[in-house]
Amino acid sequence: PPPPPPPPPPPPILKNFLSCYTDVDECKGNNDCHSNATCYNTDGGHNCSCKGGFAGNGLVCVDVDECEKGINNCDPNTTLCVNGIGNYLCKCHTGYENVAAGKCEDINECDNSTSCVKNADCINLNGTYNCTCREGFIGNGDISCTDIDECKTENVCGNHSICLNVIGSHNCSCERGYEGDPCMGEFFSNSHPSGQLVVK
């Protein structure tokens, strides 16, 4: 017997239905999503969603100023929030260093022995430091500390005393024939050969 005839072609309506069933991924080619949006393929279409740091409907996305809106993790006491395109940056204030995202800590400038000049003490402060000349010195602790000559001050040691300036201080000694603090007029007189102590 002869072979059976081939089956008839499907009706046109069923043929079109089968060819339309395969979904087209609109996100693989050109699409109408904004350059700062992500395209998500859906059955028979697609969705556009703005990326982080942007706001809008996905077709139009604008930068969100996280600094102005206060939606950032920058510490206002130690950092400055700087807006960027789609993001922001926490910049440490002067005198602070970055220790974690959005967190800055005070730099202890006094740990650096060259912060202050010789004969000055370093005092660490939030975001800065201060150099103060030590006792017995005068000047600006950042520039120079000069020894104060206390002996130039009138009568710093008292009467019948000799003042000797030393670095950062002074010493007082009594003139010959005087002793004590203050120097008292105690001396041996030639008119008292017995060595009696005469106090004037």
N, C-alpha and C. Protein backbone atom coordinates (compact mmCIF):
# COMPACT_ATOMS: atom_id res chain seq x y z
N PRO A 1 0.82 -1.18 0.00
CA PRO A 1 0.00 0.00 0.00
C PRO A 1 0.86 1.24 0.00
N PRO A 2 0.34 2.29 -0.52
CA PRO A 2 1.12 3.54 -0.56
C PRO A 2 1.21 4.17 0.84
N PRO A 3 2.28 4.97 1.08
CA PRO A 3 2.42 5.61 2.41
C PRO A 3 1.27 6.59 2.63
N PRO A 4 0.97 6.81 3.92
CA PRO A 4 -0.12 7.73 4.22
C PRO A 4 0.28 9.17 3.87
N PRO A 5 -0.65 10.00 3.56
CA PRO A 5 -0.32 11.39 3.21
C PRO A 5 0.16 12.15 4.44
N PRO A 6 1.01 13.21 4.27
CA PRO A 6 1.49 14.00 5.43
C PRO A 6 0.32 14.70 6.11
N PRO A 7 0.50 15.03 7.42
CA PRO A 7 -0.60 15.70 8.11
C PRO A 7 -0.80 17.10 7.54
N PRO A 8 -1.97 17.62 7.63
CA PRO A 8 -2.21 18.95 7.09
C PRO A 8 -1.52 20.01 7.95
N PRO A 9 -1.12 21.17 7.40
CA PRO A 9 -0.49 22.24 8.21
C PRO A 9 -1.47 22.76 9.25
N PRO A 10 -0.93 23.31 10.40
CA PRO A 10 -1.83 23.82 11.44
C PRO A 10 -2.61 25.01 10.91
N PRO A 11 -3.75 25.25 11.47
CA PRO A 11 -4.50 26.43 11.04
C PRO A 11 -3.67 27.69 11.31
N PRO A 12 -3.81 28.75 10.53
CA PRO A 12 -2.99 29.96 10.68
C PRO A 12 -3.06 30.55 12.07
N ILE A 13 -4.15 30.52 12.75
CA ILE A 13 -4.26 31.14 14.06
C ILE A 13 -3.39 30.42 15.08
N LEU A 14 -3.29 29.09 15.06
CA LEU A 14 -2.47 28.31 15.97
C LEU A 14 -1.00 28.52 15.67
N LYS A 15 -0.61 28.65 14.40
CA LYS A 15 0.77 28.88 14.01
C LYS A 15 1.27 30.21 14.58
N ASN A 16 0.47 31.26 14.50
CA ASN A 16 0.86 32.57 15.04
C ASN A 16 0.97 32.53 16.56
N PHE A 17 0.11 31.79 17.21
CA PHE A 17 0.15 31.67 18.67
C PHE A 17 1.45 31.03 19.12
N LEU A 18 1.91 29.98 18.48
CA LEU A 18 3.14 29.29 18.85
C LEU A 18 4.36 30.18 18.64
N SER A 19 4.39 30.98 17.58
CA SER A 19 5.55 31.82 17.32
C SER A 19 5.61 32.99 18.30
N CYS A 20 4.51 33.43 18.89
CA CYS A 20 4.50 34.55 19.84
C CYS A 20 4.72 34.08 21.27
N TYR A 21 4.74 32.82 21.52
CA TYR A 21 4.87 32.31 22.87
C TYR A 21 6.26 32.52 23.44
N THR A 22 7.34 32.55 22.64
CA THR A 22 8.70 32.72 23.14
C THR A 22 8.90 34.18 23.54
N ASP A 23 9.26 34.42 24.84
CA ASP A 23 9.43 35.78 25.35
C ASP A 23 10.71 36.40 24.79
N VAL A 24 10.63 37.67 24.43
CA VAL A 24 11.80 38.43 23.98
C VAL A 24 12.35 39.17 25.19
N ASP A 25 13.67 39.07 25.42
CA ASP A 25 14.31 39.77 26.55
C ASP A 25 14.65 41.18 26.10
N GLU A 26 13.77 42.13 26.44
CA GLU A 26 13.98 43.53 26.04
C GLU A 26 15.21 44.14 26.69
N CYS A 27 15.69 43.55 27.78
CA CYS A 27 16.84 44.11 28.50
C CYS A 27 18.16 43.78 27.81
N LYS A 28 18.17 42.82 26.87
CA LYS A 28 19.43 42.43 26.21
C LYS A 28 19.83 43.44 25.14
N GLY A 29 18.89 44.12 24.58
CA GLY A 29 19.21 45.09 23.53
C GLY A 29 18.94 46.49 24.03
N ASN A 30 18.74 47.38 23.09
CA ASN A 30 18.38 48.75 23.46
C ASN A 30 17.01 48.74 24.13
N ASN A 31 16.90 49.53 25.21
CA ASN A 31 15.62 49.65 25.90
C ASN A 31 15.46 51.08 26.35
N ASP A 32 14.32 51.38 26.89
CA ASP A 32 14.03 52.77 27.27
C ASP A 32 14.41 53.09 28.71
N CYS A 33 15.12 52.19 29.39
CA CYS A 33 15.56 52.46 30.77
C CYS A 33 16.64 53.53 30.76
N HIS A 34 16.64 54.36 31.81
CA HIS A 34 17.66 55.41 31.98
C HIS A 34 19.03 54.75 32.18
N SER A 35 20.09 55.49 31.85
CA SER A 35 21.44 54.93 32.00
C SER A 35 21.78 54.62 33.46
N ASN A 36 21.11 55.29 34.41
CA ASN A 36 21.32 55.01 35.84
C ASN A 36 20.18 54.17 36.41
N ALA A 37 19.61 53.31 35.54
CA ALA A 37 18.55 52.39 35.97
C ALA A 37 18.93 50.98 35.56
N THR A 38 18.35 50.00 36.22
CA THR A 38 18.54 48.59 35.88
C THR A 38 17.27 48.09 35.21
N CYS A 39 17.46 47.34 34.11
CA CYS A 39 16.35 46.77 33.35
C CYS A 39 16.07 45.36 33.86
N TYR A 40 14.80 45.06 34.13
CA TYR A 40 14.38 43.73 34.57
C TYR A 40 13.39 43.18 33.54
N ASN A 41 13.75 42.06 32.92
CA ASN A 41 12.87 41.44 31.92
C ASN A 41 11.67 40.81 32.62
N THR A 42 10.50 40.97 32.02
CA THR A 42 9.28 40.35 32.53
C THR A 42 8.62 39.60 31.38
N ASP A 43 7.63 38.78 31.68
CA ASP A 43 6.91 38.05 30.65
C ASP A 43 6.18 39.04 29.75
N GLY A 44 6.66 39.17 28.54
CA GLY A 44 6.03 40.05 27.57
C GLY A 44 6.37 41.51 27.73
N GLY A 45 7.36 41.84 28.54
CA GLY A 45 7.74 43.24 28.72
C GLY A 45 9.00 43.38 29.57
N HIS A 46 9.15 44.54 30.20
CA HIS A 46 10.30 44.79 31.08
C HIS A 46 9.95 45.92 32.04
N ASN A 47 10.73 46.00 33.12
CA ASN A 47 10.60 47.08 34.11
C ASN A 47 11.94 47.77 34.25
N CYS A 48 11.90 49.06 34.56
CA CYS A 48 13.12 49.84 34.80
C CYS A 48 13.09 50.32 36.24
N SER A 49 14.21 50.17 36.95
CA SER A 49 14.30 50.60 38.35
C SER A 49 15.59 51.37 38.54
N CYS A 50 15.48 52.59 39.11
CA CYS A 50 16.67 53.42 39.32
C CYS A 50 17.64 52.73 40.26
N LYS A 51 18.93 52.88 39.98
CA LYS A 51 19.99 52.29 40.81
C LYS A 51 20.07 53.05 42.14
N GLY A 52 20.78 52.45 43.11
CA GLY A 52 20.99 53.10 44.40
C GLY A 52 21.64 54.46 44.23
N GLY A 53 21.20 55.43 45.00
CA GLY A 53 21.73 56.79 44.90
C GLY A 53 20.98 57.65 43.89
N PHE A 54 19.98 57.05 43.22
CA PHE A 54 19.16 57.77 42.23
C PHE A 54 17.69 57.56 42.56
N ALA A 55 16.87 58.50 42.14
CA ALA A 55 15.42 58.41 42.35
C ALA A 55 14.71 58.71 41.04
N GLY A 56 13.56 58.10 40.84
CA GLY A 56 12.76 58.34 39.64
C GLY A 56 11.96 57.11 39.27
N ASN A 57 11.42 57.12 38.05
CA ASN A 57 10.56 56.02 37.61
C ASN A 57 11.29 54.97 36.79
N GLY A 58 12.59 55.09 36.66
CA GLY A 58 13.37 54.14 35.87
C GLY A 58 13.60 54.61 34.45
N LEU A 59 12.66 55.40 33.93
CA LEU A 59 12.86 56.00 32.61
C LEU A 59 13.64 57.29 32.76
N VAL A 60 13.44 57.97 33.89
CA VAL A 60 14.19 59.17 34.26
C VAL A 60 14.70 58.93 35.68
N CYS A 61 16.01 59.06 35.89
CA CYS A 61 16.61 58.88 37.22
C CYS A 61 17.48 60.09 37.52
N VAL A 62 17.29 60.69 38.69
CA VAL A 62 18.09 61.85 39.10
C VAL A 62 18.86 61.49 40.37
N ASP A 63 20.03 62.13 40.51
CA ASP A 63 20.89 61.89 41.67
C ASP A 63 20.18 62.32 42.95
N VAL A 64 20.31 61.51 43.99
CA VAL A 64 19.80 61.85 45.31
C VAL A 64 20.96 62.47 46.08
N ASP A 65 20.78 63.69 46.63
CA ASP A 65 21.82 64.33 47.44
C ASP A 65 21.68 63.82 48.87
N GLU A 66 22.44 62.75 49.17
CA GLU A 66 22.35 62.11 50.49
C GLU A 66 22.79 63.06 51.60
N CYS A 67 23.66 64.01 51.27
CA CYS A 67 24.15 64.96 52.28
C CYS A 67 23.06 65.94 52.66
N GLU A 68 22.39 66.50 51.65
CA GLU A 68 21.34 67.48 51.89
C GLU A 68 20.14 66.85 52.58
N LYS A 69 19.80 65.62 52.20
CA LYS A 69 18.63 64.94 52.76
C LYS A 69 18.93 64.26 54.09
N GLY A 70 20.21 64.20 54.49
CA GLY A 70 20.57 63.58 55.76
C GLY A 70 20.47 62.07 55.76
N ILE A 71 20.56 61.46 54.57
CA ILE A 71 20.50 59.99 54.49
C ILE A 71 21.91 59.46 54.20
N ASN A 72 22.79 59.63 55.18
CA ASN A 72 24.18 59.18 55.06
C ASN A 72 24.65 58.75 56.44
N ASN A 73 25.81 58.10 56.49
CA ASN A 73 26.34 57.66 57.79
C ASN A 73 27.56 58.47 58.20
N CYS A 74 27.68 59.71 57.69
CA CYS A 74 28.80 60.57 58.07
C CYS A 74 28.55 61.15 59.46
N ASP A 75 29.57 61.13 60.32
CA ASP A 75 29.48 61.72 61.65
C ASP A 75 29.67 63.23 61.52
N PRO A 76 28.65 64.04 61.80
CA PRO A 76 28.77 65.48 61.60
C PRO A 76 29.81 66.15 62.50
N ASN A 77 30.20 65.49 63.59
CA ASN A 77 31.20 66.08 64.49
C ASN A 77 32.62 65.94 63.97
N THR A 78 32.85 64.92 63.13
CA THR A 78 34.23 64.66 62.69
C THR A 78 34.39 64.63 61.18
N THR A 79 33.27 64.66 60.43
CA THR A 79 33.36 64.55 58.97
C THR A 79 32.51 65.58 58.26
N LEU A 80 32.79 65.74 56.98
CA LEU A 80 32.00 66.57 56.09
C LEU A 80 31.45 65.65 55.01
N CYS A 81 30.13 65.68 54.79
CA CYS A 81 29.50 64.86 53.76
C CYS A 81 29.64 65.58 52.42
N VAL A 82 30.19 64.87 51.43
CA VAL A 82 30.37 65.43 50.08
C VAL A 82 29.56 64.58 49.11
N ASN A 83 28.57 65.19 48.45
CA ASN A 83 27.72 64.46 47.52
C ASN A 83 28.47 64.16 46.23
N GLY A 84 28.21 62.97 45.67
CA GLY A 84 28.76 62.57 44.38
C GLY A 84 27.61 62.10 43.50
N ILE A 85 27.89 61.70 42.28
CA ILE A 85 26.85 61.20 41.38
C ILE A 85 26.50 59.77 41.79
N GLY A 86 25.34 59.62 42.39
CA GLY A 86 24.88 58.30 42.82
C GLY A 86 25.47 57.83 44.13
N ASN A 87 26.26 58.68 44.78
CA ASN A 87 26.87 58.26 46.04
C ASN A 87 27.26 59.50 46.85
N TYR A 88 27.98 59.30 47.93
CA TYR A 88 28.49 60.39 48.75
C TYR A 88 29.78 59.93 49.41
N LEU A 89 30.52 60.89 49.93
CA LEU A 89 31.80 60.61 50.57
C LEU A 89 31.84 61.32 51.91
N CYS A 90 32.35 60.64 52.94
CA CYS A 90 32.55 61.26 54.25
C CYS A 90 34.01 61.70 54.32
N LYS A 91 34.24 63.00 54.31
CA LYS A 91 35.61 63.53 54.33
C LYS A 91 35.94 63.98 55.75
N CYS A 92 37.05 63.48 56.29
CA CYS A 92 37.44 63.83 57.66
C CYS A 92 37.77 65.31 57.77
N HIS A 93 37.33 65.91 58.90
CA HIS A 93 37.73 67.29 59.20
C HIS A 93 39.24 67.32 59.41
N THR A 94 39.83 68.49 59.27
CA THR A 94 41.26 68.67 59.54
C THR A 94 41.55 68.24 60.97
N GLY A 95 42.61 67.47 61.15
CA GLY A 95 42.98 66.99 62.48
C GLY A 95 42.37 65.64 62.83
N TYR A 96 41.64 65.04 61.87
CA TYR A 96 41.03 63.73 62.08
C TYR A 96 41.47 62.79 60.97
N GLU A 97 41.44 61.48 61.25
CA GLU A 97 41.80 60.49 60.25
C GLU A 97 40.71 59.43 60.16
N ASN A 98 40.55 58.86 58.96
CA ASN A 98 39.52 57.86 58.70
C ASN A 98 39.87 56.54 59.38
N VAL A 99 38.92 56.01 60.16
CA VAL A 99 39.14 54.72 60.82
C VAL A 99 38.12 53.68 60.38
N ALA A 100 36.99 54.11 59.83
CA ALA A 100 35.95 53.20 59.32
C ALA A 100 35.04 54.02 58.42
N ALA A 101 34.18 53.34 57.68
CA ALA A 101 33.28 54.04 56.76
C ALA A 101 32.46 55.09 57.52
N GLY A 102 32.68 56.34 57.18
CA GLY A 102 31.94 57.43 57.80
C GLY A 102 32.42 57.82 59.17
N LYS A 103 33.46 57.19 59.68
CA LYS A 103 33.95 57.46 61.03
C LYS A 103 35.40 57.96 60.98
N CYS A 104 35.64 59.06 61.67
CA CYS A 104 36.99 59.62 61.75
C CYS A 104 37.32 59.83 63.23
N GLU A 105 38.59 59.66 63.56
CA GLU A 105 39.05 59.87 64.94
C GLU A 105 40.08 60.97 64.97
N ASP A 106 40.14 61.63 66.12
CA ASP A 106 41.11 62.70 66.33
C ASP A 106 42.53 62.17 66.18
N ILE A 107 43.36 62.92 65.47
CA ILE A 107 44.79 62.59 65.37
C ILE A 107 45.47 63.20 66.58
N ASN A 108 46.21 62.42 67.34
CA ASN A 108 46.95 62.95 68.48
C ASN A 108 48.28 63.48 67.97
N GLU A 109 48.28 64.78 67.65
CA GLU A 109 49.49 65.40 67.11
C GLU A 109 50.63 65.38 68.13
N CYS A 110 50.30 65.22 69.40
CA CYS A 110 51.33 65.21 70.44
C CYS A 110 52.14 63.92 70.43
N ASP A 111 51.65 62.89 69.72
CA ASP A 111 52.43 61.66 69.57
C ASP A 111 53.65 61.91 68.68
N ASN A 112 53.59 62.96 67.88
CA ASN A 112 54.70 63.33 67.00
C ASN A 112 55.58 64.30 67.76
N SER A 113 56.80 63.90 68.09
CA SER A 113 57.68 64.72 68.92
C SER A 113 58.08 66.02 68.26
N THR A 114 57.82 66.19 66.97
CA THR A 114 58.22 67.42 66.28
C THR A 114 57.08 68.44 66.22
N SER A 115 55.95 68.17 66.89
CA SER A 115 54.81 69.09 66.84
C SER A 115 55.13 70.42 67.51
N CYS A 116 55.85 70.39 68.61
CA CYS A 116 56.17 71.60 69.36
C CYS A 116 57.68 71.80 69.41
N VAL A 117 58.09 73.04 69.70
CA VAL A 117 59.52 73.35 69.78
C VAL A 117 60.07 72.90 71.12
N LYS A 118 61.39 72.96 71.25
CA LYS A 118 62.07 72.60 72.49
C LYS A 118 61.58 73.51 73.61
N ASN A 119 61.44 72.97 74.80
CA ASN A 119 60.99 73.67 75.99
C ASN A 119 59.51 74.07 75.93
N ALA A 120 58.73 73.32 75.12
CA ALA A 120 57.28 73.54 75.06
C ALA A 120 56.58 72.21 75.30
N ASP A 121 55.40 72.26 75.89
CA ASP A 121 54.58 71.08 76.11
C ASP A 121 53.44 71.06 75.10
N CYS A 122 53.14 69.86 74.59
CA CYS A 122 52.07 69.68 73.61
C CYS A 122 50.79 69.26 74.33
N ILE A 123 49.69 69.93 74.02
CA ILE A 123 48.38 69.59 74.58
C ILE A 123 47.47 69.22 73.42
N ASN A 124 47.04 67.95 73.38
CA ASN A 124 46.16 67.50 72.30
C ASN A 124 44.74 68.01 72.53
N LEU A 125 44.12 68.52 71.47
CA LEU A 125 42.74 69.00 71.50
C LEU A 125 41.98 68.32 70.37
N ASN A 126 40.65 68.33 70.40
CA ASN A 126 39.86 67.73 69.33
C ASN A 126 40.15 68.41 68.00
N GLY A 127 40.75 67.67 67.09
CA GLY A 127 41.02 68.18 65.75
C GLY A 127 42.24 69.06 65.64
N THR A 128 42.91 69.32 66.74
CA THR A 128 44.09 70.19 66.70
C THR A 128 44.95 69.93 67.94
N TYR A 129 45.88 70.83 68.21
CA TYR A 129 46.73 70.73 69.39
C TYR A 129 47.24 72.12 69.72
N ASN A 130 47.81 72.25 70.91
CA ASN A 130 48.34 73.54 71.34
C ASN A 130 49.71 73.32 71.96
N CYS A 131 50.65 74.19 71.63
CA CYS A 131 51.99 74.13 72.22
C CYS A 131 52.14 75.29 73.19
N THR A 132 52.47 74.98 74.43
CA THR A 132 52.61 76.00 75.46
C THR A 132 54.02 75.94 76.03
N CYS A 133 54.66 77.11 76.09
CA CYS A 133 56.01 77.16 76.66
C CYS A 133 55.96 76.73 78.13
N ARG A 134 56.97 75.97 78.55
CA ARG A 134 57.04 75.50 79.93
C ARG A 134 57.31 76.66 80.88
N GLU A 135 57.09 76.39 82.16
CA GLU A 135 57.35 77.40 83.18
C GLU A 135 58.82 77.81 83.10
N GLY A 136 59.06 79.09 83.17
CA GLY A 136 60.42 79.62 83.07
C GLY A 136 60.80 80.01 81.66
N PHE A 137 59.87 79.82 80.71
CA PHE A 137 60.11 80.18 79.31
C PHE A 137 58.96 81.04 78.81
N ILE A 138 59.24 81.82 77.80
CA ILE A 138 58.23 82.70 77.21
C ILE A 138 58.28 82.57 75.70
N GLY A 139 57.13 82.75 75.05
CA GLY A 139 57.08 82.71 73.59
C GLY A 139 55.88 81.94 73.09
N ASN A 140 55.93 81.61 71.82
CA ASN A 140 54.89 80.82 71.17
C ASN A 140 55.44 79.41 71.03
N GLY A 141 54.79 78.45 71.67
CA GLY A 141 55.29 77.07 71.69
C GLY A 141 55.39 76.41 70.34
N ASP A 142 54.77 77.03 69.30
CA ASP A 142 54.88 76.51 67.94
C ASP A 142 56.14 77.02 67.25
N ILE A 143 56.65 78.17 67.73
CA ILE A 143 57.77 78.84 67.04
C ILE A 143 59.05 78.80 67.87
N SER A 144 58.99 79.34 69.09
CA SER A 144 60.17 79.32 69.96
C SER A 144 59.77 79.61 71.39
N CYS A 145 60.52 79.03 72.31
CA CYS A 145 60.36 79.30 73.74
C CYS A 145 61.71 79.76 74.27
N THR A 146 61.75 80.99 74.73
CA THR A 146 63.00 81.60 75.19
C THR A 146 63.02 81.61 76.71
N ASP A 147 64.18 81.30 77.26
CA ASP A 147 64.36 81.31 78.71
C ASP A 147 64.07 82.70 79.26
N ILE A 148 63.29 82.75 80.34
CA ILE A 148 63.04 84.03 81.03
C ILE A 148 64.19 84.26 82.00
N ASP A 149 64.81 85.41 81.91
CA ASP A 149 65.88 85.76 82.85
C ASP A 149 65.23 86.39 84.08
N GLU A 150 64.91 85.53 85.04
CA GLU A 150 64.22 86.00 86.24
C GLU A 150 65.06 87.00 87.02
N CYS A 151 66.37 86.94 86.84
CA CYS A 151 67.26 87.83 87.58
C CYS A 151 67.12 89.29 87.13
N LYS A 152 66.52 89.51 85.98
CA LYS A 152 66.31 90.88 85.51
C LYS A 152 65.12 91.52 86.22
N THR A 153 64.29 90.68 86.86
CA THR A 153 63.17 91.20 87.63
C THR A 153 63.74 91.75 88.93
N GLU A 154 63.40 92.96 89.24
CA GLU A 154 63.97 93.63 90.40
C GLU A 154 63.66 92.87 91.69
N ASN A 155 64.69 92.56 92.44
CA ASN A 155 64.58 91.98 93.77
C ASN A 155 63.88 90.63 93.79
N VAL A 156 64.07 89.81 92.75
CA VAL A 156 63.42 88.50 92.71
C VAL A 156 63.90 87.60 93.85
N CYS A 157 65.15 87.76 94.26
CA CYS A 157 65.69 86.93 95.34
C CYS A 157 65.62 87.62 96.70
N GLY A 158 65.39 88.89 96.74
CA GLY A 158 65.35 89.62 98.01
C GLY A 158 66.66 90.37 98.25
N ASN A 159 66.69 91.12 99.35
CA ASN A 159 67.87 91.91 99.69
C ASN A 159 69.04 91.01 100.08
N HIS A 160 70.23 91.50 99.81
CA HIS A 160 71.48 90.82 100.17
C HIS A 160 71.58 89.44 99.53
N SER A 161 71.00 89.31 98.33
CA SER A 161 71.03 88.03 97.62
C SER A 161 71.69 88.20 96.27
N ILE A 162 72.19 87.10 95.75
CA ILE A 162 72.76 87.07 94.40
C ILE A 162 71.87 86.14 93.58
N CYS A 163 71.38 86.64 92.44
CA CYS A 163 70.51 85.84 91.57
C CYS A 163 71.35 85.25 90.44
N LEU A 164 71.17 83.97 90.19
CA LEU A 164 71.87 83.30 89.08
C LEU A 164 70.80 82.68 88.18
N ASN A 165 70.72 83.18 86.94
CA ASN A 165 69.75 82.63 86.00
C ASN A 165 70.23 81.27 85.50
N VAL A 166 69.31 80.30 85.47
CA VAL A 166 69.58 78.99 84.87
C VAL A 166 68.46 78.72 83.87
N ILE A 167 68.66 77.77 82.97
CA ILE A 167 67.67 77.50 81.93
C ILE A 167 66.34 77.09 82.57
N GLY A 168 65.32 77.89 82.33
CA GLY A 168 63.98 77.60 82.82
C GLY A 168 63.73 77.98 84.26
N SER A 169 64.72 78.57 84.94
CA SER A 169 64.52 78.92 86.34
C SER A 169 65.61 79.90 86.78
N HIS A 170 65.85 79.96 88.09
CA HIS A 170 66.92 80.78 88.65
C HIS A 170 67.27 80.24 90.03
N ASN A 171 68.46 80.59 90.49
CA ASN A 171 68.91 80.22 91.83
C ASN A 171 69.27 81.49 92.58
N CYS A 172 69.00 81.48 93.87
CA CYS A 172 69.35 82.61 94.72
C CYS A 172 70.38 82.14 95.75
N SER A 173 71.39 82.94 95.95
CA SER A 173 72.36 82.67 97.02
C SER A 173 72.60 83.97 97.77
N CYS A 174 73.00 83.84 99.03
CA CYS A 174 73.19 85.03 99.86
C CYS A 174 74.56 85.65 99.61
N GLU A 175 74.60 86.97 99.75
CA GLU A 175 75.89 87.66 99.68
C GLU A 175 76.74 87.19 100.86
N ARG A 176 78.05 87.41 100.75
CA ARG A 176 78.98 87.01 101.81
C ARG A 176 78.57 87.70 103.11
N GLY A 177 78.47 86.89 104.15
CA GLY A 177 78.11 87.41 105.46
C GLY A 177 76.62 87.29 105.76
N TYR A 178 75.85 86.78 104.80
CA TYR A 178 74.40 86.62 104.99
C TYR A 178 74.02 85.17 104.71
N GLU A 179 72.96 84.74 105.35
CA GLU A 179 72.48 83.38 105.09
C GLU A 179 70.99 83.30 105.40
N GLY A 180 70.38 82.19 104.98
CA GLY A 180 68.95 81.97 105.22
C GLY A 180 68.13 82.21 103.97
N ASP A 181 66.85 82.09 104.17
CA ASP A 181 65.92 82.33 103.05
C ASP A 181 64.70 83.03 103.62
N PRO A 182 64.55 84.32 103.49
CA PRO A 182 65.45 85.20 102.75
C PRO A 182 66.73 85.44 103.53
N CYS A 183 67.69 86.01 102.79
CA CYS A 183 69.01 86.24 103.38
C CYS A 183 68.90 87.25 104.53
N MET A 184 69.32 86.82 105.70
CA MET A 184 69.24 87.67 106.89
C MET A 184 70.63 88.22 107.19
N GLY A 185 70.65 89.36 107.86
CA GLY A 185 71.92 90.02 108.17
C GLY A 185 72.65 89.37 109.32
N GLU A 186 73.06 88.15 109.20
CA GLU A 186 73.81 87.45 110.23
C GLU A 186 75.28 87.46 109.83
N PHE A 187 76.14 87.98 110.71
CA PHE A 187 77.55 88.00 110.36
C PHE A 187 78.37 88.08 111.65
N PHE A 188 79.65 87.75 111.51
CA PHE A 188 80.57 87.86 112.64
C PHE A 188 81.29 89.19 112.52
N SER A 189 81.29 89.98 113.62
CA SER A 189 81.91 91.30 113.58
C SER A 189 83.29 91.24 114.24
N ASN A 190 84.22 92.03 113.71
CA ASN A 190 85.56 92.12 114.30
C ASN A 190 85.50 92.67 115.71
N SER A 191 84.43 93.41 116.01
CA SER A 191 84.32 93.99 117.35
C SER A 191 83.86 92.95 118.38
N HIS A 192 83.58 91.75 117.88
CA HIS A 192 83.17 90.68 118.78
C HIS A 192 84.09 89.49 118.58
N PRO A 193 85.34 89.59 119.12
CA PRO A 193 86.30 88.54 118.89
C PRO A 193 85.88 87.19 119.45
N SER A 194 84.92 87.19 120.34
CA SER A 194 84.52 85.90 120.91
C SER A 194 83.73 85.07 119.91
N GLY A 195 83.36 85.69 118.78
CA GLY A 195 82.62 84.95 117.76
C GLY A 195 81.13 84.98 117.99
N GLN A 196 80.68 85.92 118.81
CA GLN A 196 79.24 86.04 119.02
C GLN A 196 78.54 86.39 117.71
N LEU A 197 77.37 85.86 117.54
CA LEU A 197 76.58 86.13 116.34
C LEU A 197 75.80 87.41 116.57
N VAL A 198 75.97 88.36 115.68
CA VAL A 198 75.26 89.63 115.81
C VAL A 198 74.24 89.69 114.67
N VAL A 199 73.00 89.90 115.01
CA VAL A 199 71.95 90.00 114.00
C VAL A 199 71.51 91.44 113.90
N LYS A 200 71.56 91.97 112.71
CA LYS A 200 71.12 93.35 112.49
C LYS A 200 69.77 93.35 111.83
